[in-house]
Amino acid sequence: MTKSTAKIQFLGHSAFKLTSPNGTIIYVDPFLTHNPSTPKNLKSVPKADFVLLTHGHEDHVGDTLEIAKNTGAKVVGNVELIGLLKKHGLNPDQAVEFNKGGTVQFEDFSVTMVSANHSSSFKGEYAGEAGGLVVRFSDGYVFYHLGDTNIFADMEFYGEMYTPHVIAVPIGDHYTMGPYEAALCCTLIGAEIAIPIHYATMPILAGDPHVFKSETEGSCETEVRILAPGEIL
């Protein structure tokens, strides 16, 4: 398994706290305050440098505006979503907008937006297209958050182009793919480790992570890590 000093902490649902090898703190889809699966001690964010967003739905944008206001973090997302966040109080100096295929380079990490098959809105307004996010740290370690999506063939190309070490894969079904499609995604991408996300937060998200683990590890070399909220990879 590839080693890195980057830390990947699962916060429940689709939310993560990433810490770069140099100590940069990055939140991804920080649905925390109203997330029943986020541990109470992790719902508040005393420090953040960046917030990365896959799309505009409430269970992904979550606490973004509050985090940005309280910490000064830069918020990174697609053009339409960032435009809406600015309308709702995001300081333009903290806004970083880009789009699919684009890469934004920061001091010790970069983030590339790739496709995801899903809808996106924020407070009832169109928020552009949903995406996935490929985060590459300065030591070469790569984390790919698929966002909310179903399976699509380009995932194989993403595996070849970005060679992610860790992928976060939605498995909950109903609003995203379920465990069987998600397992096939792992075969296409070929990452070392897959973390199941977007399941069990509400009863309708009934995808079973153990089914996902069994199907994935029975068909490819990707190891599935079922993380409890708060656990660090």
C-alpha atoms as a PDB file:
ATOM      1  CA  MET A   1       0.000   0.000   0.000  1.00  0.00           C
ATOM      2  CA  THR A   2       1.290   3.454  -0.904  1.00  0.00           C
ATOM      3  CA  LYS A   3       2.295   5.493   2.134  1.00  0.00           C
ATOM      4  CA  SER A   4       1.571   9.183   2.669  1.00  0.00           C
ATOM      5  CA  THR A   5       1.514  11.570   5.610  1.00  0.00           C
ATOM      6  CA  ALA A   6      -1.766  13.026   4.302  1.00  0.00           C
ATOM      7  CA  LYS A   7      -4.728  12.231   6.576  1.00  0.00           C
ATOM      8  CA  ILE A   8      -8.191  11.317   5.333  1.00  0.00           C
ATOM      9  CA  GLN A   9     -10.878  11.531   8.031  1.00  0.00           C
ATOM     10  CA  PHE A  10     -14.420  10.396   7.279  1.00  0.00           C
ATOM     11  CA  LEU A  11     -17.032  12.646   8.911  1.00  0.00           C
ATOM     12  CA  GLY A  12     -20.158  10.711   7.907  1.00  0.00           C
ATOM     13  CA  HIS A  13     -22.367  10.706   4.797  1.00  0.00           C
ATOM     14  CA  SER A  14     -20.079  12.176   2.093  1.00  0.00           C
ATOM     15  CA  ALA A  15     -18.065  14.570   4.249  1.00  0.00           C
ATOM     16  CA  PHE A  16     -14.315  14.407   4.779  1.00  0.00           C
ATOM     17  CA  LYS A  17     -11.584  16.342   6.491  1.00  0.00           C
ATOM     18  CA  LEU A  18      -8.307  16.070   4.604  1.00  0.00           C
ATOM     19  CA  THR A  19      -5.006  17.199   6.073  1.00  0.00           C
ATOM     20  CA  SER A  20      -2.150  17.633   3.617  1.00  0.00           C
ATOM     21  CA  PRO A  21       1.400  16.493   4.412  1.00  0.00           C
ATOM     22  CA  ASN A  22       2.175  20.150   5.196  1.00  0.00           C
ATOM     23  CA  GLY A  23      -0.827  20.564   7.494  1.00  0.00           C
ATOM     24  CA  THR A  24      -3.301  22.309   5.159  1.00  0.00           C
ATOM     25  CA  ILE A  25      -6.864  21.546   6.338  1.00  0.00           C
ATOM     26  CA  ILE A  26      -9.363  20.779   3.575  1.00  0.00           C
ATOM     27  CA  TYR A  27     -13.030  19.930   4.064  1.00  0.00           C
ATOM     28  CA  VAL A  28     -14.945  18.132   1.310  1.00  0.00           C
ATOM     29  CA  ASP A  29     -18.764  18.388   1.209  1.00  0.00           C
ATOM     30  CA  PRO A  30     -18.989  19.486   4.877  1.00  0.00           C
ATOM     31  CA  PHE A  31     -22.510  18.409   5.784  1.00  0.00           C
ATOM     32  CA  LEU A  32     -21.899  18.379   9.544  1.00  0.00           C
ATOM     33  CA  THR A  33     -24.319  20.286  11.811  1.00  0.00           C
ATOM     34  CA  HIS A  34     -27.457  18.514  10.575  1.00  0.00           C
ATOM     35  CA  ASN A  35     -25.738  15.252   9.716  1.00  0.00           C
ATOM     36  CA  PRO A  36     -26.948  12.610  12.177  1.00  0.00           C
ATOM     37  CA  SER A  37     -23.892  10.468  11.554  1.00  0.00           C
ATOM     38  CA  THR A  38     -21.241  13.123  12.285  1.00  0.00           C
ATOM     39  CA  PRO A  39     -19.834  12.799  15.824  1.00  0.00           C
ATOM     40  CA  LYS A  40     -20.771  15.780  18.011  1.00  0.00           C
ATOM     41  CA  ASN A  41     -17.157  16.771  18.623  1.00  0.00           C
ATOM     42  CA  LEU A  42     -16.575  17.053  14.857  1.00  0.00           C
ATOM     43  CA  LYS A  43     -19.611  19.149  13.961  1.00  0.00           C
ATOM     44  CA  SER A  44     -17.850  22.449  14.704  1.00  0.00           C
ATOM     45  CA  VAL A  45     -14.892  23.567  12.584  1.00  0.00           C
ATOM     46  CA  PRO A  46     -12.392  25.758  14.452  1.00  0.00           C
ATOM     47  CA  LYS A  47      -9.898  25.838  11.562  1.00  0.00           C
ATOM     48  CA  ALA A  48     -10.119  25.260   7.826  1.00  0.00           C
ATOM     49  CA  ASP A  49      -8.066  26.451   4.882  1.00  0.00           C
ATOM     50  CA  PHE A  50     -10.256  25.170   2.032  1.00  0.00           C
ATOM     51  CA  VAL A  51     -13.726  23.767   1.412  1.00  0.00           C
ATOM     52  CA  LEU A  52     -14.192  21.671  -1.738  1.00  0.00           C
ATOM     53  CA  LEU A  53     -17.686  21.006  -3.074  1.00  0.00           C
ATOM     54  CA  THR A  54     -18.881  18.319  -5.487  1.00  0.00           C
ATOM     55  CA  HIS A  55     -22.320  19.881  -6.041  1.00  0.00           C
ATOM     56  CA  GLY A  56     -25.011  22.088  -4.546  1.00  0.00           C
ATOM     57  CA  HIS A  57     -27.359  19.769  -2.671  1.00  0.00           C
ATOM     58  CA  GLU A  58     -27.894  20.539   1.011  1.00  0.00           C
ATOM     59  CA  ASP A  59     -26.335  17.274   2.187  1.00  0.00           C
ATOM     60  CA  HIS A  60     -23.071  18.318   0.497  1.00  0.00           C
ATOM     61  CA  VAL A  61     -22.866  22.107   0.817  1.00  0.00           C
ATOM     62  CA  GLY A  62     -23.888  21.707   4.452  1.00  0.00           C
ATOM     63  CA  ASP A  63     -21.988  24.147   6.680  1.00  0.00           C
ATOM     64  CA  THR A  64     -19.872  25.687   3.909  1.00  0.00           C
ATOM     65  CA  LEU A  65     -20.985  29.296   4.366  1.00  0.00           C
ATOM     66  CA  GLU A  66     -20.548  29.176   8.137  1.00  0.00           C
ATOM     67  CA  ILE A  67     -17.122  27.559   7.847  1.00  0.00           C
ATOM     68  CA  ALA A  68     -15.992  30.158   5.320  1.00  0.00           C
ATOM     69  CA  LYS A  69     -17.238  33.018   7.488  1.00  0.00           C
ATOM     70  CA  ASN A  70     -15.708  31.691  10.718  1.00  0.00           C
ATOM     71  CA  THR A  71     -12.343  30.497   9.397  1.00  0.00           C
ATOM     72  CA  GLY A  72     -11.639  32.497   6.233  1.00  0.00           C
ATOM     73  CA  ALA A  73     -11.392  29.277   4.225  1.00  0.00           C
ATOM     74  CA  LYS A  74     -11.468  29.473   0.442  1.00  0.00           C
ATOM     75  CA  VAL A  75     -14.439  27.697  -1.143  1.00  0.00           C
ATOM     76  CA  VAL A  76     -13.794  25.752  -4.337  1.00  0.00           C
ATOM     77  CA  GLY A  77     -16.540  24.564  -6.677  1.00  0.00           C
ATOM     78  CA  ASN A  78     -18.125  24.875 -10.086  1.00  0.00           C
ATOM     79  CA  VAL A  79     -18.950  28.274 -11.536  1.00  0.00           C
ATOM     80  CA  GLU A  80     -22.716  28.222 -11.047  1.00  0.00           C
ATOM     81  CA  LEU A  81     -22.591  26.926  -7.477  1.00  0.00           C
ATOM     82  CA  ILE A  82     -19.953  29.433  -6.394  1.00  0.00           C
ATOM     83  CA  GLY A  83     -22.060  32.190  -7.955  1.00  0.00           C
ATOM     84  CA  LEU A  84     -25.036  31.153  -5.831  1.00  0.00           C
ATOM     85  CA  LEU A  85     -22.937  30.936  -2.686  1.00  0.00           C
ATOM     86  CA  LYS A  86     -21.726  34.488  -3.279  1.00  0.00           C
ATOM     87  CA  LYS A  87     -25.366  35.586  -3.537  1.00  0.00           C
ATOM     88  CA  HIS A  88     -25.927  34.013  -0.117  1.00  0.00           C
ATOM     89  CA  GLY A  89     -23.013  35.690   1.615  1.00  0.00           C
ATOM     90  CA  LEU A  90     -19.747  34.057   0.511  1.00  0.00           C
ATOM     91  CA  ASN A  91     -16.987  36.650   0.368  1.00  0.00           C
ATOM     92  CA  PRO A  92     -15.855  36.908  -3.291  1.00  0.00           C
ATOM     93  CA  ASP A  93     -12.240  36.988  -2.090  1.00  0.00           C
ATOM     94  CA  GLN A  94     -12.741  33.475  -0.722  1.00  0.00           C
ATOM     95  CA  ALA A  95     -14.425  32.124  -3.859  1.00  0.00           C
ATOM     96  CA  VAL A  96     -12.565  29.832  -6.293  1.00  0.00           C
ATOM     97  CA  GLU A  97     -14.617  28.746  -9.284  1.00  0.00           C
ATOM     98  CA  PHE A  98     -13.650  26.254 -11.965  1.00  0.00           C
ATOM     99  CA  ASN A  99     -15.265  23.578 -14.106  1.00  0.00           C
ATOM    100  CA  LYS A 100     -14.967  20.034 -15.419  1.00  0.00           C
ATOM    101  CA  GLY A 101     -11.548  19.121 -16.736  1.00  0.00           C
ATOM    102  CA  GLY A 102     -10.016  22.091 -14.948  1.00  0.00           C
ATOM    103  CA  THR A 103      -7.315  21.860 -12.309  1.00  0.00           C
ATOM    104  CA  VAL A 104      -6.706  24.484  -9.631  1.00  0.00           C
ATOM    105  CA  GLN A 105      -3.246  24.457  -8.065  1.00  0.00           C
ATOM    106  CA  PHE A 106      -2.754  25.599  -4.477  1.00  0.00           C
ATOM    107  CA  GLU A 107       0.438  25.702  -2.435  1.00  0.00           C
ATOM    108  CA  ASP A 108       0.644  22.028  -1.509  1.00  0.00           C
ATOM    109  CA  PHE A 109      -2.223  20.325  -3.336  1.00  0.00           C
ATOM    110  CA  SER A 110      -4.252  20.534  -6.518  1.00  0.00           C
ATOM    111  CA  VAL A 111      -7.862  19.688  -7.254  1.00  0.00           C
ATOM    112  CA  THR A 112      -9.304  18.605 -10.602  1.00  0.00           C
ATOM    113  CA  MET A 113     -13.014  18.532 -11.356  1.00  0.00           C
ATOM    114  CA  VAL A 114     -14.242  15.492 -13.268  1.00  0.00           C
ATOM    115  CA  SER A 115     -17.689  14.309 -14.283  1.00  0.00           C
ATOM    116  CA  ALA A 116     -20.393  12.788 -12.109  1.00  0.00           C
ATOM    117  CA  ASN A 117     -23.875  11.746 -13.218  1.00  0.00           C
ATOM    118  CA  HIS A 118     -26.235  13.567 -10.865  1.00  0.00           C
ATOM    119  CA  SER A 119     -28.326  16.729 -10.532  1.00  0.00           C
ATOM    120  CA  SER A 120     -27.380  19.873  -8.607  1.00  0.00           C
ATOM    121  CA  SER A 121     -29.271  22.771  -7.053  1.00  0.00           C
ATOM    122  CA  PHE A 122     -28.809  25.150  -4.137  1.00  0.00           C
ATOM    123  CA  LYS A 123     -31.796  26.637  -2.286  1.00  0.00           C
ATOM    124  CA  GLY A 124     -34.043  25.822  -5.235  1.00  0.00           C
ATOM    125  CA  GLU A 125     -31.796  27.339  -7.926  1.00  0.00           C
ATOM    126  CA  TYR A 126     -29.830  25.540 -10.628  1.00  0.00           C
ATOM    127  CA  ALA A 127     -26.254  25.042  -9.420  1.00  0.00           C
ATOM    128  CA  GLY A 128     -24.519  23.747 -12.528  1.00  0.00           C
ATOM    129  CA  GLU A 129     -23.620  20.108 -13.037  1.00  0.00           C
ATOM    130  CA  ALA A 130     -22.498  17.791 -10.285  1.00  0.00           C
ATOM    131  CA  GLY A 131     -18.878  16.682 -10.366  1.00  0.00           C
ATOM    132  CA  GLY A 132     -16.245  14.522  -8.779  1.00  0.00           C
ATOM    133  CA  LEU A 133     -13.036  15.905  -7.281  1.00  0.00           C
ATOM    134  CA  VAL A 134      -9.508  14.546  -7.671  1.00  0.00           C
ATOM    135  CA  VAL A 135      -7.197  15.889  -4.958  1.00  0.00           C
ATOM    136  CA  ARG A 136      -3.458  15.423  -5.507  1.00  0.00           C
ATOM    137  CA  PHE A 137      -1.138  16.217  -2.606  1.00  0.00           C
ATOM    138  CA  SER A 138       2.426  17.494  -2.944  1.00  0.00           C
ATOM    139  CA  ASP A 139       3.825  14.020  -2.196  1.00  0.00           C
ATOM    140  CA  GLY A 140       1.851  12.546  -5.126  1.00  0.00           C
ATOM    141  CA  TYR A 141      -0.864  10.897  -3.048  1.00  0.00           C
ATOM    142  CA  VAL A 142      -4.271  11.114  -4.771  1.00  0.00           C
ATOM    143  CA  PHE A 143      -7.767  11.087  -3.264  1.00  0.00           C
ATOM    144  CA  TYR A 144     -10.739  10.917  -5.663  1.00  0.00           C
ATOM    145  CA  HIS A 145     -14.166  11.815  -4.248  1.00  0.00           C
ATOM    146  CA  LEU A 146     -16.726  10.551  -6.777  1.00  0.00           C
ATOM    147  CA  GLY A 147     -19.482  12.852  -5.465  1.00  0.00           C
ATOM    148  CA  ASP A 148     -23.041  11.683  -6.031  1.00  0.00           C
ATOM    149  CA  THR A 149     -23.117   9.566  -9.170  1.00  0.00           C
ATOM    150  CA  ASN A 150     -23.969   6.362 -10.937  1.00  0.00           C
ATOM    151  CA  ILE A 151     -21.466   4.349 -12.932  1.00  0.00           C
ATOM    152  CA  PHE A 152     -20.165   5.611 -16.286  1.00  0.00           C
ATOM    153  CA  ALA A 153     -17.413   4.412 -18.589  1.00  0.00           C
ATOM    154  CA  ASP A 154     -15.141   7.463 -18.179  1.00  0.00           C
ATOM    155  CA  MET A 155     -14.240   6.212 -14.711  1.00  0.00           C
ATOM    156  CA  GLU A 156     -11.800   3.830 -16.360  1.00  0.00           C
ATOM    157  CA  PHE A 157     -10.043   6.785 -17.998  1.00  0.00           C
ATOM    158  CA  TYR A 158      -9.968   8.649 -14.689  1.00  0.00           C
ATOM    159  CA  GLY A 159      -8.235   5.666 -13.145  1.00  0.00           C
ATOM    160  CA  GLU A 160      -5.617   5.706 -15.893  1.00  0.00           C
ATOM    161  CA  MET A 161      -5.138   9.486 -15.956  1.00  0.00           C
ATOM    162  CA  TYR A 162      -5.163  10.324 -12.244  1.00  0.00           C
ATOM    163  CA  THR A 163      -4.111   6.976 -10.691  1.00  0.00           C
ATOM    164  CA  PRO A 164      -5.940   7.602  -7.400  1.00  0.00           C
ATOM    165  CA  HIS A 165      -4.750   5.774  -4.305  1.00  0.00           C
ATOM    166  CA  VAL A 166      -8.019   6.246  -2.390  1.00  0.00           C
ATOM    167  CA  ILE A 167     -11.537   6.710  -3.761  1.00  0.00           C
ATOM    168  CA  ALA A 168     -14.727   7.689  -1.914  1.00  0.00           C
ATOM    169  CA  VAL A 169     -17.625   5.839  -3.535  1.00  0.00           C
ATOM    170  CA  PRO A 170     -21.368   6.440  -3.007  1.00  0.00           C
ATOM    171  CA  ILE A 171     -23.207   3.172  -2.390  1.00  0.00           C
ATOM    172  CA  GLY A 172     -26.514   4.161  -0.777  1.00  0.00           C
ATOM    173  CA  ASP A 173     -28.761   3.537  -3.815  1.00  0.00           C
ATOM    174  CA  HIS A 174     -31.964   5.523  -4.552  1.00  0.00           C
ATOM    175  CA  TYR A 175     -30.226   8.877  -5.176  1.00  0.00           C
ATOM    176  CA  THR A 176     -26.903   7.376  -6.291  1.00  0.00           C
ATOM    177  CA  MET A 177     -25.686   3.977  -7.373  1.00  0.00           C
ATOM    178  CA  GLY A 178     -25.951   1.029  -5.018  1.00  0.00           C
ATOM    179  CA  PRO A 179     -23.327  -1.500  -3.893  1.00  0.00           C
ATOM    180  CA  TYR A 180     -23.202  -3.574  -7.091  1.00  0.00           C
ATOM    181  CA  GLU A 181     -22.668  -0.645  -9.468  1.00  0.00           C
ATOM    182  CA  ALA A 182     -20.225   0.854  -6.983  1.00  0.00           C
ATOM    183  CA  ALA A 183     -18.197  -2.352  -6.953  1.00  0.00           C
ATOM    184  CA  LEU A 184     -17.917  -2.243 -10.735  1.00  0.00           C
ATOM    185  CA  CYS A 185     -16.719   1.375 -10.457  1.00  0.00           C
ATOM    186  CA  CYS A 186     -13.843   0.111  -8.327  1.00  0.00           C
ATOM    187  CA  THR A 187     -12.930  -2.372 -11.038  1.00  0.00           C
ATOM    188  CA  LEU A 188     -12.898   0.426 -13.627  1.00  0.00           C
ATOM    189  CA  ILE A 189     -10.852   2.862 -11.527  1.00  0.00           C
ATOM    190  CA  GLY A 190      -8.369   0.423  -9.981  1.00  0.00           C
ATOM    191  CA  ALA A 191      -7.546   2.359  -6.806  1.00  0.00           C
ATOM    192  CA  GLU A 192      -5.758   0.753  -3.877  1.00  0.00           C
ATOM    193  CA  ILE A 193      -8.480   1.604  -1.347  1.00  0.00           C
ATOM    194  CA  ALA A 194     -12.189   2.414  -1.616  1.00  0.00           C
ATOM    195  CA  ILE A 195     -14.221   4.059   1.141  1.00  0.00           C
ATOM    196  CA  PRO A 196     -18.030   3.634   0.925  1.00  0.00           C
ATOM    197  CA  ILE A 197     -19.999   6.863   1.429  1.00  0.00           C
ATOM    198  CA  HIS A 198     -23.538   8.274   1.115  1.00  0.00           C
ATOM    199  CA  TYR A 199     -25.285   5.404   2.884  1.00  0.00           C
ATOM    200  CA  ALA A 200     -27.242   4.863   6.139  1.00  0.00           C
ATOM    201  CA  THR A 201     -27.532   8.589   6.935  1.00  0.00           C
ATOM    202  CA  MET A 202     -31.261   8.220   6.367  1.00  0.00           C
ATOM    203  CA  PRO A 203     -33.335   5.029   5.996  1.00  0.00           C
ATOM    204  CA  ILE A 204     -33.809   5.457   2.249  1.00  0.00           C
ATOM    205  CA  LEU A 205     -30.039   5.150   1.691  1.00  0.00           C
ATOM    206  CA  ALA A 206     -30.122   1.419   2.286  1.00  0.00           C
ATOM    207  CA  GLY A 207     -27.041   0.275   0.354  1.00  0.00           C
ATOM    208  CA  ASP A 208     -25.067  -2.232   2.435  1.00  0.00           C
ATOM    209  CA  PRO A 209     -21.328  -1.478   2.791  1.00  0.00           C
ATOM    210  CA  HIS A 210     -20.588  -5.131   3.530  1.00  0.00           C
ATOM    211  CA  VAL A 211     -22.173  -6.159   0.230  1.00  0.00           C
ATOM    212  CA  PHE A 212     -20.069  -3.485  -1.458  1.00  0.00           C
ATOM    213  CA  LYS A 213     -16.929  -4.826   0.224  1.00  0.00           C
ATOM    214  CA  SER A 214     -17.687  -8.422  -0.723  1.00  0.00           C
ATOM    215  CA  GLU A 215     -18.525  -7.594  -4.342  1.00  0.00           C
ATOM    216  CA  THR A 216     -15.525  -5.307  -4.784  1.00  0.00           C
ATOM    217  CA  GLU A 217     -12.890  -7.511  -3.186  1.00  0.00           C
ATOM    218  CA  GLY A 218     -14.301 -10.532  -5.009  1.00  0.00           C
ATOM    219  CA  SER A 219     -13.843  -8.926  -8.408  1.00  0.00           C
ATOM    220  CA  CYS A 220     -10.756  -6.675  -8.231  1.00  0.00           C
ATOM    221  CA  GLU A 221      -7.707  -5.851  -6.121  1.00  0.00           C
ATOM    222  CA  THR A 222      -9.184  -2.738  -4.479  1.00  0.00           C
ATOM    223  CA  GLU A 223      -9.409  -3.013  -0.703  1.00  0.00           C
ATOM    224  CA  VAL A 224     -12.605  -1.648   0.839  1.00  0.00           C
ATOM    225  CA  ARG A 225     -12.275   0.187   4.145  1.00  0.00           C
ATOM    226  CA  ILE A 226     -15.606   0.707   5.907  1.00  0.00           C
ATOM    227  CA  LEU A 227     -14.821   3.721   8.083  1.00  0.00           C
ATOM    228  CA  ALA A 228     -16.880   4.764  11.080  1.00  0.00           C
ATOM    229  CA  PRO A 229     -17.623   8.515  11.164  1.00  0.00           C
ATOM    230  CA  GLY A 230     -14.625  10.173  12.774  1.00  0.00           C
ATOM    231  CA  GLU A 231     -12.213   7.414  11.769  1.00  0.00           C
ATOM    232  CA  ILE A 232      -8.970   8.359   9.994  1.00  0.00           C
ATOM    233  CA  LEU A 233      -7.590   6.271   7.161  1.00  0.00           C
END
